Amino acid sequence: MARRRRPSRSALALRWFGAALLVLIAVAYVQPLRAYRQAGAELSERKAGVAALEREKKGLDERLAIARSDQFIVREARKLSLVRPGERLFIVTGLGGKP
């Protein structure tokens, strides 16, 4: 049986130095990786927020288009009991079956 020869001290020191260097590099990458993952999550949240705002803007644009129509203005004026010049206002009560 052949006996293994023990590596020299310089070879052992070089191995330990290499292992320590790898550990140091791994530790140095932890914070940037965390920041990268956090930025990715934040980006996803912001994209969802932008999509929600775009849907809200589309709805508001539709409401604005309706509000700019003459029919809408007339209907809202009637709700406020406004009449056109020359018209007479009649208020009818008691049609709902309630006294």
N, C-alpha and C. Protein backbone atom coordinates (compact mmCIF):
# COMPACT_ATOMS: atom_id res chain seq x y z
N MET A 1 0.83 -1.16 0.00
CA MET A 1 0.00 0.00 0.00
C MET A 1 0.89 1.24 0.00
N ALA A 2 0.55 2.13 -0.90
CA ALA A 2 1.35 3.35 -1.01
C ALA A 2 0.85 4.39 -0.03
N ARG A 3 1.76 5.00 0.58
CA ARG A 3 1.43 6.04 1.56
C ARG A 3 1.32 7.39 0.86
N ARG A 4 0.23 8.12 1.17
CA ARG A 4 0.06 9.45 0.57
C ARG A 4 1.06 10.40 1.16
N ARG A 5 1.53 11.26 0.28
CA ARG A 5 2.45 12.27 0.74
C ARG A 5 1.67 13.52 1.12
N ARG A 6 1.95 14.11 2.23
CA ARG A 6 1.27 15.32 2.71
C ARG A 6 1.73 16.51 1.88
N PRO A 7 0.74 17.38 1.44
CA PRO A 7 1.15 18.56 0.66
C PRO A 7 1.98 19.52 1.51
N SER A 8 2.78 20.28 0.84
CA SER A 8 3.65 21.23 1.54
C SER A 8 2.82 22.35 2.17
N ARG A 9 3.43 23.05 3.08
CA ARG A 9 2.74 24.16 3.77
C ARG A 9 2.33 25.25 2.78
N SER A 10 3.14 25.53 1.83
CA SER A 10 2.80 26.58 0.87
C SER A 10 1.60 26.16 0.01
N ALA A 11 1.52 24.88 -0.34
CA ALA A 11 0.38 24.39 -1.11
C ALA A 11 -0.89 24.46 -0.27
N LEU A 12 -0.82 24.10 1.01
CA LEU A 12 -1.98 24.20 1.90
C LEU A 12 -2.41 25.65 2.08
N ALA A 13 -1.44 26.53 2.26
CA ALA A 13 -1.75 27.95 2.42
C ALA A 13 -2.41 28.50 1.17
N LEU A 14 -1.93 28.06 0.01
CA LEU A 14 -2.50 28.51 -1.25
C LEU A 14 -3.94 28.02 -1.40
N ARG A 15 -4.21 26.78 -0.99
CA ARG A 15 -5.57 26.26 -1.04
C ARG A 15 -6.49 27.03 -0.10
N TRP A 16 -6.04 27.27 1.11
CA TRP A 16 -6.86 28.03 2.07
C TRP A 16 -7.11 29.45 1.58
N PHE A 17 -6.07 30.04 0.99
CA PHE A 17 -6.23 31.39 0.46
C PHE A 17 -7.25 31.39 -0.68
N GLY A 18 -7.19 30.38 -1.54
CA GLY A 18 -8.14 30.27 -2.64
C GLY A 18 -9.57 30.08 -2.14
N ALA A 19 -9.72 29.22 -1.12
CA ALA A 19 -11.05 28.99 -0.55
C ALA A 19 -11.58 30.27 0.10
N ALA A 20 -10.71 30.97 0.83
CA ALA A 20 -11.12 32.22 1.47
C ALA A 20 -11.50 33.27 0.43
N LEU A 21 -10.77 33.29 -0.67
CA LEU A 21 -11.06 34.24 -1.75
C LEU A 21 -12.42 33.94 -2.37
N LEU A 22 -12.73 32.67 -2.57
CA LEU A 22 -14.04 32.29 -3.11
C LEU A 22 -15.16 32.68 -2.16
N VAL A 23 -14.96 32.46 -0.86
CA VAL A 23 -15.97 32.85 0.12
C VAL A 23 -16.15 34.36 0.13
N LEU A 24 -15.07 35.09 0.05
CA LEU A 24 -15.14 36.55 0.03
C LEU A 24 -15.89 37.05 -1.21
N ILE A 25 -15.63 36.44 -2.35
CA ILE A 25 -16.33 36.83 -3.58
C ILE A 25 -17.82 36.52 -3.44
N ALA A 26 -18.15 35.36 -2.88
CA ALA A 26 -19.55 34.99 -2.69
C ALA A 26 -20.26 35.97 -1.77
N VAL A 27 -19.60 36.36 -0.69
CA VAL A 27 -20.18 37.32 0.25
C VAL A 27 -20.36 38.68 -0.42
N ALA A 28 -19.41 39.04 -1.28
CA ALA A 28 -19.50 40.34 -1.97
C ALA A 28 -20.67 40.37 -2.94
N TYR A 29 -21.10 39.22 -3.46
CA TYR A 29 -22.21 39.17 -4.40
C TYR A 29 -23.58 39.15 -3.73
N VAL A 30 -23.65 38.94 -2.45
CA VAL A 30 -24.93 38.81 -1.76
C VAL A 30 -25.74 40.10 -1.86
N GLN A 31 -25.17 41.22 -1.50
CA GLN A 31 -25.91 42.49 -1.50
C GLN A 31 -26.36 42.91 -2.90
N PRO A 32 -25.50 42.85 -3.92
CA PRO A 32 -25.99 43.20 -5.26
C PRO A 32 -27.12 42.29 -5.74
N LEU A 33 -27.04 41.00 -5.41
CA LEU A 33 -28.11 40.09 -5.81
C LEU A 33 -29.41 40.43 -5.10
N ARG A 34 -29.33 40.77 -3.82
CA ARG A 34 -30.54 41.19 -3.09
C ARG A 34 -31.12 42.46 -3.71
N ALA A 35 -30.26 43.41 -4.00
CA ALA A 35 -30.73 44.67 -4.61
C ALA A 35 -31.36 44.40 -5.97
N TYR A 36 -30.78 43.48 -6.74
CA TYR A 36 -31.33 43.14 -8.06
C TYR A 36 -32.71 42.53 -7.92
N ARG A 37 -32.87 41.60 -6.99
CA ARG A 37 -34.18 40.97 -6.78
C ARG A 37 -35.21 41.98 -6.29
N GLN A 38 -34.78 42.88 -5.39
CA GLN A 38 -35.69 43.90 -4.88
C GLN A 38 -36.11 44.85 -6.00
N ALA A 39 -35.17 45.21 -6.85
CA ALA A 39 -35.49 46.10 -7.98
C ALA A 39 -36.46 45.42 -8.93
N GLY A 40 -36.28 44.13 -9.15
CA GLY A 40 -37.21 43.39 -10.01
C GLY A 40 -38.61 43.38 -9.44
N ALA A 41 -38.72 43.17 -8.12
CA ALA A 41 -40.03 43.16 -7.48
C ALA A 41 -40.67 44.55 -7.56
N GLU A 42 -39.86 45.57 -7.33
CA GLU A 42 -40.38 46.95 -7.39
C GLU A 42 -40.83 47.29 -8.81
N LEU A 43 -40.08 46.81 -9.79
CA LEU A 43 -40.45 47.06 -11.18
C LEU A 43 -41.80 46.42 -11.49
N SER A 44 -42.01 45.20 -11.01
CA SER A 44 -43.30 44.53 -11.22
C SER A 44 -44.44 45.32 -10.60
N GLU A 45 -44.23 45.82 -9.38
CA GLU A 45 -45.26 46.61 -8.71
C GLU A 45 -45.56 47.88 -9.48
N ARG A 46 -44.52 48.54 -9.95
CA ARG A 46 -44.72 49.78 -10.70
C ARG A 46 -45.42 49.54 -12.03
N LYS A 47 -45.10 48.42 -12.69
CA LYS A 47 -45.78 48.10 -13.95
C LYS A 47 -47.26 47.87 -13.69
N ALA A 48 -47.57 47.19 -12.59
CA ALA A 48 -48.98 46.96 -12.25
C ALA A 48 -49.67 48.29 -11.96
N GLY A 49 -48.96 49.20 -11.27
CA GLY A 49 -49.53 50.52 -10.99
C GLY A 49 -49.76 51.32 -12.25
N VAL A 50 -48.83 51.25 -13.18
CA VAL A 50 -48.97 51.96 -14.46
C VAL A 50 -50.16 51.41 -15.24
N ALA A 51 -50.30 50.09 -15.25
CA ALA A 51 -51.43 49.48 -15.96
C ALA A 51 -52.76 49.93 -15.35
N ALA A 52 -52.82 49.99 -14.02
CA ALA A 52 -54.05 50.44 -13.35
C ALA A 52 -54.34 51.90 -13.69
N LEU A 53 -53.31 52.73 -13.70
CA LEU A 53 -53.50 54.15 -14.05
C LEU A 53 -53.93 54.31 -15.50
N GLU A 54 -53.41 53.48 -16.39
CA GLU A 54 -53.82 53.56 -17.79
C GLU A 54 -55.30 53.18 -17.94
N ARG A 55 -55.74 52.15 -17.20
CA ARG A 55 -57.16 51.79 -17.25
C ARG A 55 -58.02 52.92 -16.70
N GLU A 56 -57.57 53.53 -15.61
CA GLU A 56 -58.33 54.65 -15.03
C GLU A 56 -58.39 55.82 -16.00
N LYS A 57 -57.28 56.11 -16.67
CA LYS A 57 -57.25 57.21 -17.63
C LYS A 57 -58.21 56.94 -18.79
N LYS A 58 -58.25 55.69 -19.26
CA LYS A 58 -59.16 55.34 -20.35
C LYS A 58 -60.62 55.58 -19.93
N GLY A 59 -60.96 55.17 -18.71
CA GLY A 59 -62.32 55.40 -18.21
C GLY A 59 -62.63 56.87 -18.07
N LEU A 60 -61.66 57.64 -17.58
CA LEU A 60 -61.87 59.08 -17.43
C LEU A 60 -62.00 59.77 -18.79
N ASP A 61 -61.22 59.31 -19.77
CA ASP A 61 -61.35 59.88 -21.12
C ASP A 61 -62.74 59.62 -21.70
N GLU A 62 -63.25 58.41 -21.44
CA GLU A 62 -64.60 58.09 -21.92
C GLU A 62 -65.64 58.96 -21.24
N ARG A 63 -65.49 59.14 -19.92
CA ARG A 63 -66.44 60.01 -19.20
C ARG A 63 -66.35 61.45 -19.68
N LEU A 64 -65.14 61.90 -19.98
CA LEU A 64 -64.97 63.27 -20.48
C LEU A 64 -65.62 63.44 -21.85
N ALA A 65 -65.49 62.44 -22.69
CA ALA A 65 -66.12 62.52 -24.01
C ALA A 65 -67.63 62.59 -23.87
N ILE A 66 -68.19 61.81 -22.94
CA ILE A 66 -69.64 61.85 -22.71
C ILE A 66 -70.04 63.20 -22.12
N ALA A 67 -69.25 63.72 -21.20
CA ALA A 67 -69.59 64.98 -20.53
C ALA A 67 -69.53 66.17 -21.48
N ARG A 68 -68.78 66.04 -22.55
CA ARG A 68 -68.68 67.15 -23.51
C ARG A 68 -69.84 67.17 -24.49
N SER A 69 -70.67 66.15 -24.49
CA SER A 69 -71.78 66.11 -25.45
C SER A 69 -72.91 67.03 -24.97
N ASP A 70 -73.67 67.54 -25.94
CA ASP A 70 -74.79 68.43 -25.63
C ASP A 70 -75.89 67.71 -24.86
N GLN A 71 -76.12 66.45 -25.17
CA GLN A 71 -77.16 65.68 -24.49
C GLN A 71 -76.86 65.57 -22.99
N PHE A 72 -75.61 65.35 -22.66
CA PHE A 72 -75.23 65.24 -21.25
C PHE A 72 -75.48 66.55 -20.52
N ILE A 73 -75.11 67.66 -21.16
CA ILE A 73 -75.28 68.97 -20.53
C ILE A 73 -76.76 69.26 -20.30
N VAL A 74 -77.58 68.94 -21.28
CA VAL A 74 -79.03 69.17 -21.15
C VAL A 74 -79.59 68.30 -20.04
N ARG A 75 -79.21 67.03 -20.00
CA ARG A 75 -79.72 66.11 -18.98
C ARG A 75 -79.32 66.57 -17.57
N GLU A 76 -78.09 67.00 -17.40
CA GLU A 76 -77.63 67.46 -16.08
C GLU A 76 -78.34 68.76 -15.70
N ALA A 77 -78.60 69.64 -16.67
CA ALA A 77 -79.32 70.88 -16.38
C ALA A 77 -80.75 70.58 -15.94
N ARG A 78 -81.38 69.58 -16.58
CA ARG A 78 -82.74 69.20 -16.18
C ARG A 78 -82.77 68.65 -14.76
N LYS A 79 -81.72 67.91 -14.39
CA LYS A 79 -81.65 67.40 -13.01
C LYS A 79 -81.58 68.54 -12.00
N LEU A 80 -81.00 69.65 -12.40
CA LEU A 80 -80.89 70.81 -11.53
C LEU A 80 -82.10 71.74 -11.64
N SER A 81 -83.15 71.28 -12.32
CA SER A 81 -84.39 72.04 -12.53
C SER A 81 -84.16 73.32 -13.32
N LEU A 82 -83.25 73.28 -14.24
CA LEU A 82 -83.02 74.43 -15.12
C LEU A 82 -83.83 74.24 -16.39
N VAL A 83 -84.31 75.33 -16.95
CA VAL A 83 -85.10 75.28 -18.17
C VAL A 83 -84.47 76.21 -19.20
N ARG A 84 -84.81 75.96 -20.45
CA ARG A 84 -84.31 76.82 -21.52
C ARG A 84 -85.12 78.11 -21.55
N PRO A 85 -84.56 79.15 -22.10
CA PRO A 85 -85.33 80.39 -22.20
C PRO A 85 -86.62 80.16 -22.99
N GLY A 86 -87.73 80.63 -22.44
CA GLY A 86 -89.03 80.49 -23.08
C GLY A 86 -89.80 79.28 -22.61
N GLU A 87 -89.17 78.34 -21.94
CA GLU A 87 -89.86 77.16 -21.44
C GLU A 87 -90.46 77.47 -20.08
N ARG A 88 -91.49 76.70 -19.71
CA ARG A 88 -92.10 76.85 -18.39
C ARG A 88 -91.83 75.60 -17.59
N LEU A 89 -91.53 75.75 -16.34
CA LEU A 89 -91.22 74.63 -15.47
C LEU A 89 -92.49 74.15 -14.78
N PHE A 90 -92.78 72.87 -14.91
CA PHE A 90 -93.91 72.26 -14.20
C PHE A 90 -93.35 71.20 -13.28
N ILE A 91 -93.76 71.19 -12.02
CA ILE A 91 -93.35 70.19 -11.05
C ILE A 91 -94.56 69.33 -10.74
N VAL A 92 -94.47 68.06 -11.07
CA VAL A 92 -95.55 67.12 -10.88
C VAL A 92 -95.20 66.22 -9.71
N THR A 93 -96.11 66.09 -8.76
CA THR A 93 -95.87 65.23 -7.60
C THR A 93 -96.95 64.18 -7.48
N GLY A 94 -96.68 63.14 -6.72
CA GLY A 94 -97.68 62.13 -6.42
C GLY A 94 -97.83 61.07 -7.49
N LEU A 95 -96.91 60.90 -8.39
CA LEU A 95 -97.03 59.90 -9.44
C LEU A 95 -96.43 58.55 -9.03
N GLY A 96 -95.62 58.53 -8.00
CA GLY A 96 -94.95 57.31 -7.62
C GLY A 96 -95.80 56.38 -6.79
N GLY A 97 -97.04 56.68 -6.51
CA GLY A 97 -97.90 55.85 -5.69
C GLY A 97 -97.72 56.11 -4.22
N LYS A 98 -96.85 56.98 -3.87
CA LYS A 98 -96.64 57.34 -2.48
C LYS A 98 -97.41 58.62 -2.19
N PRO A 99 -98.03 58.69 -1.02
CA PRO A 99 -98.81 59.91 -0.68
C PRO A 99 -97.95 61.11 -0.44
